[in-house]
Amino acid sequence: LAGPGHAVWLLPTPGFRRAAFDSRGSLW
């Protein structure tokens, strides 16, 4: 990066991550 812009990181809580996998049907 020429500077700190143009990039971002998404940091899920454990609850959000598990709910996301559940909704996709990919938890197991």
PDB file of all heavy atoms in Angstrom:
ATOM      1  N   LEU A   1       0.826  -1.198   0.000  1.00  0.00           N
ATOM      2  CA  LEU A   1       0.000   0.000   0.000  1.00  0.00           C
ATOM      3  C   LEU A   1       0.864   1.252   0.000  1.00  0.00           C
ATOM      4  O   LEU A   1       1.808   1.351   0.783  1.00  0.00           O
ATOM      5  CB  LEU A   1      -0.909   0.023   1.232  1.00  0.00           C
ATOM      6  CG  LEU A   1      -1.902  -1.127   1.392  1.00  0.00           C
ATOM      7  CD1 LEU A   1      -2.592  -1.024   2.741  1.00  0.00           C
ATOM      8  CD2 LEU A   1      -2.914  -1.117   0.265  1.00  0.00           C
ATOM      9  N   ALA A   2       0.497   2.204  -0.859  1.00  0.00           N
ATOM     10  CA  ALA A   2       1.197   3.492  -0.828  1.00  0.00           C
ATOM     11  C   ALA A   2       0.864   4.242   0.462  1.00  0.00           C
ATOM     12  O   ALA A   2       1.634   5.078   0.924  1.00  0.00           O
ATOM     13  CB  ALA A   2       0.809   4.327  -2.043  1.00  0.00           C
ATOM     14  N   GLY A   3      -0.291   3.945   1.058  1.00  0.00           N
ATOM     15  CA  GLY A   3      -0.728   4.528   2.320  1.00  0.00           C
ATOM     16  C   GLY A   3      -1.676   3.561   2.990  1.00  0.00           C
ATOM     17  O   GLY A   3      -1.955   2.474   2.459  1.00  0.00           O
ATOM     18  N   PRO A   4      -2.201   3.872   4.156  1.00  0.00           N
ATOM     19  CA  PRO A   4      -3.065   2.950   4.874  1.00  0.00           C
ATOM     20  C   PRO A   4      -4.449   2.767   4.259  1.00  0.00           C
ATOM     21  O   PRO A   4      -5.193   1.889   4.664  1.00  0.00           O
ATOM     22  CB  PRO A   4      -3.174   3.575   6.268  1.00  0.00           C
ATOM     23  CG  PRO A   4      -2.898   5.028   6.052  1.00  0.00           C
ATOM     24  CD  PRO A   4      -1.920   5.087   4.922  1.00  0.00           C
ATOM     25  N   GLY A   5      -4.841   3.583   3.279  1.00  0.00           N
ATOM     26  CA  GLY A   5      -6.128   3.414   2.617  1.00  0.00           C
ATOM     27  C   GLY A   5      -6.117   2.231   1.667  1.00  0.00           C
ATOM     28  O   GLY A   5      -5.109   1.548   1.487  1.00  0.00           O
ATOM     29  N   HIS A   6      -7.257   1.979   1.020  1.00  0.00           N
ATOM     30  CA  HIS A   6      -7.414   0.902   0.043  1.00  0.00           C
ATOM     31  C   HIS A   6      -7.403  -0.481   0.673  1.00  0.00           C
ATOM     32  O   HIS A   6      -7.339  -1.481  -0.041  1.00  0.00           O
ATOM     33  CB  HIS A   6      -6.360   0.979  -1.061  1.00  0.00           C
ATOM     34  CG  HIS A   6      -6.746   1.881  -2.185  1.00  0.00           C
ATOM     35  ND1 HIS A   6      -6.575   1.542  -3.506  1.00  0.00           N
ATOM     36  CD2 HIS A   6      -7.302   3.108  -2.199  1.00  0.00           C
ATOM     37  CE1 HIS A   6      -7.007   2.537  -4.279  1.00  0.00           C
ATOM     38  NE2 HIS A   6      -7.446   3.491  -3.499  1.00  0.00           N
ATOM     39  N   ALA A   7      -7.469  -0.590   1.993  1.00  0.00           N
ATOM     40  CA  ALA A   7      -7.508  -1.905   2.626  1.00  0.00           C
ATOM     41  C   ALA A   7      -8.320  -1.822   3.914  1.00  0.00           C
ATOM     42  O   ALA A   7      -8.287  -0.805   4.607  1.00  0.00           O
ATOM     43  CB  ALA A   7      -6.093  -2.398   2.932  1.00  0.00           C
ATOM     44  N   VAL A   8      -9.039  -2.904   4.214  1.00  0.00           N
ATOM     45  CA  VAL A   8      -9.800  -2.976   5.456  1.00  0.00           C
ATOM     46  C   VAL A   8      -9.924  -4.444   5.847  1.00  0.00           C
ATOM     47  O   VAL A   8      -9.923  -5.333   4.985  1.00  0.00           O
ATOM     48  CB  VAL A   8     -11.199  -2.339   5.300  1.00  0.00           C
ATOM     49  CG1 VAL A   8     -12.075  -3.136   4.330  1.00  0.00           C
ATOM     50  CG2 VAL A   8     -11.887  -2.171   6.642  1.00  0.00           C
ATOM     51  N   TRP A   9      -9.991  -4.690   7.157  1.00  0.00           N
ATOM     52  CA  TRP A   9     -10.140  -6.055   7.671  1.00  0.00           C
ATOM     53  C   TRP A   9     -11.435  -6.155   8.461  1.00  0.00           C
ATOM     54  O   TRP A   9     -11.750  -5.265   9.260  1.00  0.00           O
ATOM     55  CB  TRP A   9      -8.930  -6.435   8.543  1.00  0.00           C
ATOM     56  CG  TRP A   9      -7.772  -6.849   7.696  1.00  0.00           C
ATOM     57  CD1 TRP A   9      -7.390  -8.117   7.375  1.00  0.00           C
ATOM     58  CD2 TRP A   9      -6.877  -5.980   6.975  1.00  0.00           C
ATOM     59  NE1 TRP A   9      -6.319  -8.090   6.523  1.00  0.00           N
ATOM     60  CE2 TRP A   9      -5.979  -6.787   6.257  1.00  0.00           C
ATOM     61  CE3 TRP A   9      -6.749  -4.585   6.875  1.00  0.00           C
ATOM     62  CZ2 TRP A   9      -4.977  -6.273   5.463  1.00  0.00           C
ATOM     63  CZ3 TRP A   9      -5.760  -4.057   6.077  1.00  0.00           C
ATOM     64  CH2 TRP A   9      -4.879  -4.904   5.376  1.00  0.00           C
ATOM     65  N   LEU A  10     -12.186  -7.232   8.239  1.00  0.00           N
ATOM     66  CA  LEU A  10     -13.444  -7.482   8.922  1.00  0.00           C
ATOM     67  C   LEU A  10     -13.206  -8.513  10.025  1.00  0.00           C
ATOM     68  O   LEU A  10     -12.685  -9.611   9.751  1.00  0.00           O
ATOM     69  CB  LEU A  10     -14.501  -7.994   7.933  1.00  0.00           C
ATOM     70  CG  LEU A  10     -14.672  -7.180   6.647  1.00  0.00           C
ATOM     71  CD1 LEU A  10     -15.819  -7.751   5.806  1.00  0.00           C
ATOM     72  CD2 LEU A  10     -14.889  -5.706   6.933  1.00  0.00           C
ATOM     73  N   LEU A  11     -13.582  -8.159  11.245  1.00  0.00           N
ATOM     74  CA  LEU A  11     -13.255  -8.975  12.411  1.00  0.00           C
ATOM     75  C   LEU A  11     -14.553  -9.492  13.048  1.00  0.00           C
ATOM     76  O   LEU A  11     -15.203  -8.784  13.820  1.00  0.00           O
ATOM     77  CB  LEU A  11     -12.466  -8.145  13.425  1.00  0.00           C
ATOM     78  CG  LEU A  11     -11.237  -7.406  12.866  1.00  0.00           C
ATOM     79  CD1 LEU A  11     -10.591  -6.558  13.953  1.00  0.00           C
ATOM     80  CD2 LEU A  11     -10.233  -8.404  12.276  1.00  0.00           C
ATOM     81  N   PRO A  12     -14.951 -10.724  12.739  1.00  0.00           N
ATOM     82  CA  PRO A  12     -16.226 -11.249  13.247  1.00  0.00           C
ATOM     83  C   PRO A  12     -16.118 -11.718  14.698  1.00  0.00           C
ATOM     84  O   PRO A  12     -15.092 -12.267  15.113  1.00  0.00           O
ATOM     85  CB  PRO A  12     -16.507 -12.434  12.323  1.00  0.00           C
ATOM     86  CG  PRO A  12     -15.130 -12.939  11.968  1.00  0.00           C
ATOM     87  CD  PRO A  12     -14.267 -11.702  11.869  1.00  0.00           C
ATOM     88  N   THR A  13     -17.174 -11.516  15.470  1.00  0.00           N
ATOM     89  CA  THR A  13     -17.257 -12.121  16.785  1.00  0.00           C
ATOM     90  C   THR A  13     -17.491 -13.625  16.602  1.00  0.00           C
ATOM     91  O   THR A  13     -17.971 -14.065  15.553  1.00  0.00           O
ATOM     92  CB  THR A  13     -18.403 -11.525  17.601  1.00  0.00           C
ATOM     93  OG1 THR A  13     -19.646 -11.835  16.939  1.00  0.00           O
ATOM     94  CG2 THR A  13     -18.264 -10.007  17.747  1.00  0.00           C
ATOM     95  N   PRO A  14     -17.173 -14.435  17.632  1.00  0.00           N
ATOM     96  CA  PRO A  14     -17.457 -15.876  17.518  1.00  0.00           C
ATOM     97  C   PRO A  14     -18.924 -16.155  17.222  1.00  0.00           C
ATOM     98  O   PRO A  14     -19.241 -17.067  16.436  1.00  0.00           O
ATOM     99  CB  PRO A  14     -17.035 -16.414  18.887  1.00  0.00           C
ATOM    100  CG  PRO A  14     -15.951 -15.479  19.339  1.00  0.00           C
ATOM    101  CD  PRO A  14     -16.390 -14.117  18.850  1.00  0.00           C
ATOM    102  N   GLY A  15     -19.834 -15.379  17.829  1.00  0.00           N
ATOM    103  CA  GLY A  15     -21.252 -15.587  17.570  1.00  0.00           C
ATOM    104  C   GLY A  15     -21.626 -15.311  16.128  1.00  0.00           C
ATOM    105  O   GLY A  15     -22.411 -16.051  15.523  1.00  0.00           O
ATOM    106  N   PHE A  16     -21.072 -14.244  15.560  1.00  0.00           N
ATOM    107  CA  PHE A  16     -21.368 -13.911  14.169  1.00  0.00           C
ATOM    108  C   PHE A  16     -20.822 -14.996  13.244  1.00  0.00           C
ATOM    109  O   PHE A  16     -21.488 -15.412  12.293  1.00  0.00           O
ATOM    110  CB  PHE A  16     -20.756 -12.562  13.801  1.00  0.00           C
ATOM    111  CG  PHE A  16     -21.095 -12.120  12.403  1.00  0.00           C
ATOM    112  CD1 PHE A  16     -22.203 -11.332  12.158  1.00  0.00           C
ATOM    113  CD2 PHE A  16     -20.309 -12.497  11.321  1.00  0.00           C
ATOM    114  CE1 PHE A  16     -22.535 -10.931  10.866  1.00  0.00           C
ATOM    115  CE2 PHE A  16     -20.624 -12.111  10.030  1.00  0.00           C
ATOM    116  CZ  PHE A  16     -21.733 -11.320   9.807  1.00  0.00           C
ATOM    117  N   ARG A  17     -19.609 -15.462  13.535  1.00  0.00           N
ATOM    118  CA  ARG A  17     -18.986 -16.466  12.672  1.00  0.00           C
ATOM    119  C   ARG A  17     -19.822 -17.746  12.657  1.00  0.00           C
ATOM    120  O   ARG A  17     -20.094 -18.307  11.593  1.00  0.00           O
ATOM    121  CB  ARG A  17     -17.569 -16.766  13.164  1.00  0.00           C
ATOM    122  CG  ARG A  17     -16.800 -17.739  12.270  1.00  0.00           C
ATOM    123  CD  ARG A  17     -15.447 -18.105  12.872  1.00  0.00           C
ATOM    124  NE  ARG A  17     -14.665 -16.934  13.166  1.00  0.00           N
ATOM    125  CZ  ARG A  17     -14.390 -16.507  14.401  1.00  0.00           C
ATOM    126  NH1 ARG A  17     -14.850 -17.167  15.453  1.00  0.00           N
ATOM    127  NH2 ARG A  17     -13.662 -15.437  14.589  1.00  0.00           N
ATOM    128  N   ARG A  18     -20.234 -18.196  13.837  1.00  0.00           N
ATOM    129  CA  ARG A  18     -21.009 -19.445  13.889  1.00  0.00           C
ATOM    130  C   ARG A  18     -22.356 -19.266  13.198  1.00  0.00           C
ATOM    131  O   ARG A  18     -22.812 -20.160  12.470  1.00  0.00           O
ATOM    132  CB  ARG A  18     -21.201 -19.893  15.336  1.00  0.00           C
ATOM    133  CG  ARG A  18     -21.985 -21.189  15.426  1.00  0.00           C
ATOM    134  CD  ARG A  18     -21.721 -21.947  16.693  1.00  0.00           C
ATOM    135  NE  ARG A  18     -22.365 -23.258  16.625  1.00  0.00           N
ATOM    136  CZ  ARG A  18     -21.899 -24.336  17.229  1.00  0.00           C
ATOM    137  NH1 ARG A  18     -20.780 -24.284  17.918  1.00  0.00           N
ATOM    138  NH2 ARG A  18     -22.554 -25.478  17.139  1.00  0.00           N
ATOM    139  N   ALA A  19     -22.998 -18.118  13.418  1.00  0.00           N
ATOM    140  CA  ALA A  19     -24.281 -17.862  12.758  1.00  0.00           C
ATOM    141  C   ALA A  19     -24.117 -17.818  11.239  1.00  0.00           C
ATOM    142  O   ALA A  19     -24.979 -18.301  10.498  1.00  0.00           O
ATOM    143  CB  ALA A  19     -24.873 -16.550  13.267  1.00  0.00           C
ATOM    144  N   ALA A  20     -23.001 -17.244  10.778  1.00  0.00           N
ATOM    145  CA  ALA A  20     -22.754 -17.173   9.331  1.00  0.00           C
ATOM    146  C   ALA A  20     -22.593 -18.565   8.739  1.00  0.00           C
ATOM    147  O   ALA A  20     -23.160 -18.885   7.685  1.00  0.00           O
ATOM    148  CB  ALA A  20     -21.509 -16.330   9.061  1.00  0.00           C
ATOM    149  N   PHE A  21     -21.822 -19.427   9.412  1.00  0.00           N
ATOM    150  CA  PHE A  21     -21.644 -20.788   8.915  1.00  0.00           C
ATOM    151  C   PHE A  21     -22.962 -21.561   8.952  1.00  0.00           C
ATOM    152  O   PHE A  21     -23.263 -22.347   8.046  1.00  0.00           O
ATOM    153  CB  PHE A  21     -20.593 -21.524   9.741  1.00  0.00           C
ATOM    154  CG  PHE A  21     -19.190 -21.008   9.553  1.00  0.00           C
ATOM    155  CD1 PHE A  21     -18.250 -21.140  10.559  1.00  0.00           C
ATOM    156  CD2 PHE A  21     -18.809 -20.393   8.380  1.00  0.00           C
ATOM    157  CE1 PHE A  21     -16.956 -20.663  10.405  1.00  0.00           C
ATOM    158  CE2 PHE A  21     -17.522 -19.909   8.199  1.00  0.00           C
ATOM    159  CZ  PHE A  21     -16.592 -20.045   9.221  1.00  0.00           C
ATOM    160  N   ASP A  22     -23.753 -21.336  10.012  1.00  0.00           N
ATOM    161  CA  ASP A  22     -25.056 -21.995  10.107  1.00  0.00           C
ATOM    162  C   ASP A  22     -25.959 -21.591   8.940  1.00  0.00           C
ATOM    163  O   ASP A  22     -26.621 -22.428   8.316  1.00  0.00           O
ATOM    164  CB  ASP A  22     -25.734 -21.619  11.427  1.00  0.00           C
ATOM    165  CG  ASP A  22     -25.474 -22.628  12.529  1.00  0.00           C
ATOM    166  OD1 ASP A  22     -25.266 -23.819  12.202  1.00  0.00           O
ATOM    167  OD2 ASP A  22     -25.456 -22.235  13.700  1.00  0.00           O
ATOM    168  N   SER A  23     -25.981 -20.292   8.638  1.00  0.00           N
ATOM    169  CA  SER A  23     -26.864 -19.794   7.584  1.00  0.00           C
ATOM    170  C   SER A  23     -26.448 -20.314   6.214  1.00  0.00           C
ATOM    171  O   SER A  23     -27.285 -20.473   5.322  1.00  0.00           O
ATOM    172  CB  SER A  23     -26.888 -18.263   7.590  1.00  0.00           C
ATOM    173  OG  SER A  23     -25.639 -17.731   7.177  1.00  0.00           O
ATOM    174  N   ARG A  24     -25.164 -20.576   6.036  1.00  0.00           N
ATOM    175  CA  ARG A  24     -24.676 -21.101   4.755  1.00  0.00           C
ATOM    176  C   ARG A  24     -24.840 -22.615   4.660  1.00  0.00           C
ATOM    177  O   ARG A  24     -24.616 -23.202   3.594  1.00  0.00           O
ATOM    178  CB  ARG A  24     -23.185 -20.777   4.592  1.00  0.00           C
ATOM    179  CG  ARG A  24     -22.831 -19.319   4.571  1.00  0.00           C
ATOM    180  CD  ARG A  24     -21.322 -19.169   4.584  1.00  0.00           C
ATOM    181  NE  ARG A  24     -20.895 -17.791   4.777  1.00  0.00           N
ATOM    182  CZ  ARG A  24     -19.636 -17.434   4.997  1.00  0.00           C
ATOM    183  NH1 ARG A  24     -18.686 -18.360   5.038  1.00  0.00           N
ATOM    184  NH2 ARG A  24     -19.322 -16.166   5.171  1.00  0.00           N
ATOM    185  N   GLY A  25     -25.141 -23.247   5.792  1.00  0.00           N
ATOM    186  CA  GLY A  25     -25.208 -24.701   5.810  1.00  0.00           C
ATOM    187  C   GLY A  25     -23.852 -25.359   5.779  1.00  0.00           C
ATOM    188  O   GLY A  25     -23.729 -26.540   5.419  1.00  0.00           O
ATOM    189  N   SER A  26     -22.787 -24.612   6.158  1.00  0.00           N
ATOM    190  CA  SER A  26     -21.425 -25.137   6.047  1.00  0.00           C
ATOM    191  C   SER A  26     -20.758 -25.384   7.396  1.00  0.00           C
ATOM    192  O   SER A  26     -19.569 -25.682   7.447  1.00  0.00           O
ATOM    193  CB  SER A  26     -20.556 -24.165   5.238  1.00  0.00           C
ATOM    194  OG  SER A  26     -20.487 -22.891   5.864  1.00  0.00           O
ATOM    195  N   LEU A  27     -21.544 -25.275   8.499  1.00  0.00           N
ATOM    196  CA  LEU A  27     -20.944 -25.392   9.825  1.00  0.00           C
ATOM    197  C   LEU A  27     -20.212 -26.723  10.002  1.00  0.00           C
ATOM    198  O   LEU A  27     -19.124 -26.774  10.560  1.00  0.00           O
ATOM    199  CB  LEU A  27     -22.019 -25.226  10.900  1.00  0.00           C
ATOM    200  CG  LEU A  27     -21.535 -25.241  12.348  1.00  0.00           C
ATOM    201  CD1 LEU A  27     -20.602 -24.066  12.618  1.00  0.00           C
ATOM    202  CD2 LEU A  27     -22.716 -25.206  13.309  1.00  0.00           C
ATOM    203  N   TRP A  28     -20.826 -27.808   9.500  1.00  0.00           N
ATOM    204  CA  TRP A  28     -20.243 -29.136   9.690  1.00  0.00           C
ATOM    205  C   TRP A  28     -19.545 -29.647   8.429  1.00  0.00           C
ATOM    206  O   TRP A  28     -19.190 -30.836   8.357  1.00  0.00           O
ATOM    207  CB  TRP A  28     -21.335 -30.116  10.110  1.00  0.00           C
ATOM    208  CG  TRP A  28     -21.947 -29.763  11.429  1.00  0.00           C
ATOM    209  CD1 TRP A  28     -23.081 -29.038  11.647  1.00  0.00           C
ATOM    210  CD2 TRP A  28     -21.434 -30.089  12.726  1.00  0.00           C
ATOM    211  NE1 TRP A  28     -23.314 -28.884  12.992  1.00  0.00           N
ATOM    212  CE2 TRP A  28     -22.316 -29.526  13.683  1.00  0.00           C
ATOM    213  CE3 TRP A  28     -20.312 -30.805  13.177  1.00  0.00           C
ATOM    214  CZ2 TRP A  28     -22.108 -29.662  15.048  1.00  0.00           C
ATOM    215  CZ3 TRP A  28     -20.113 -30.938  14.535  1.00  0.00           C
ATOM    216  CH2 TRP A  28     -20.996 -30.368  15.454  1.00  0.00           C
TER     217      TRP A  28
END
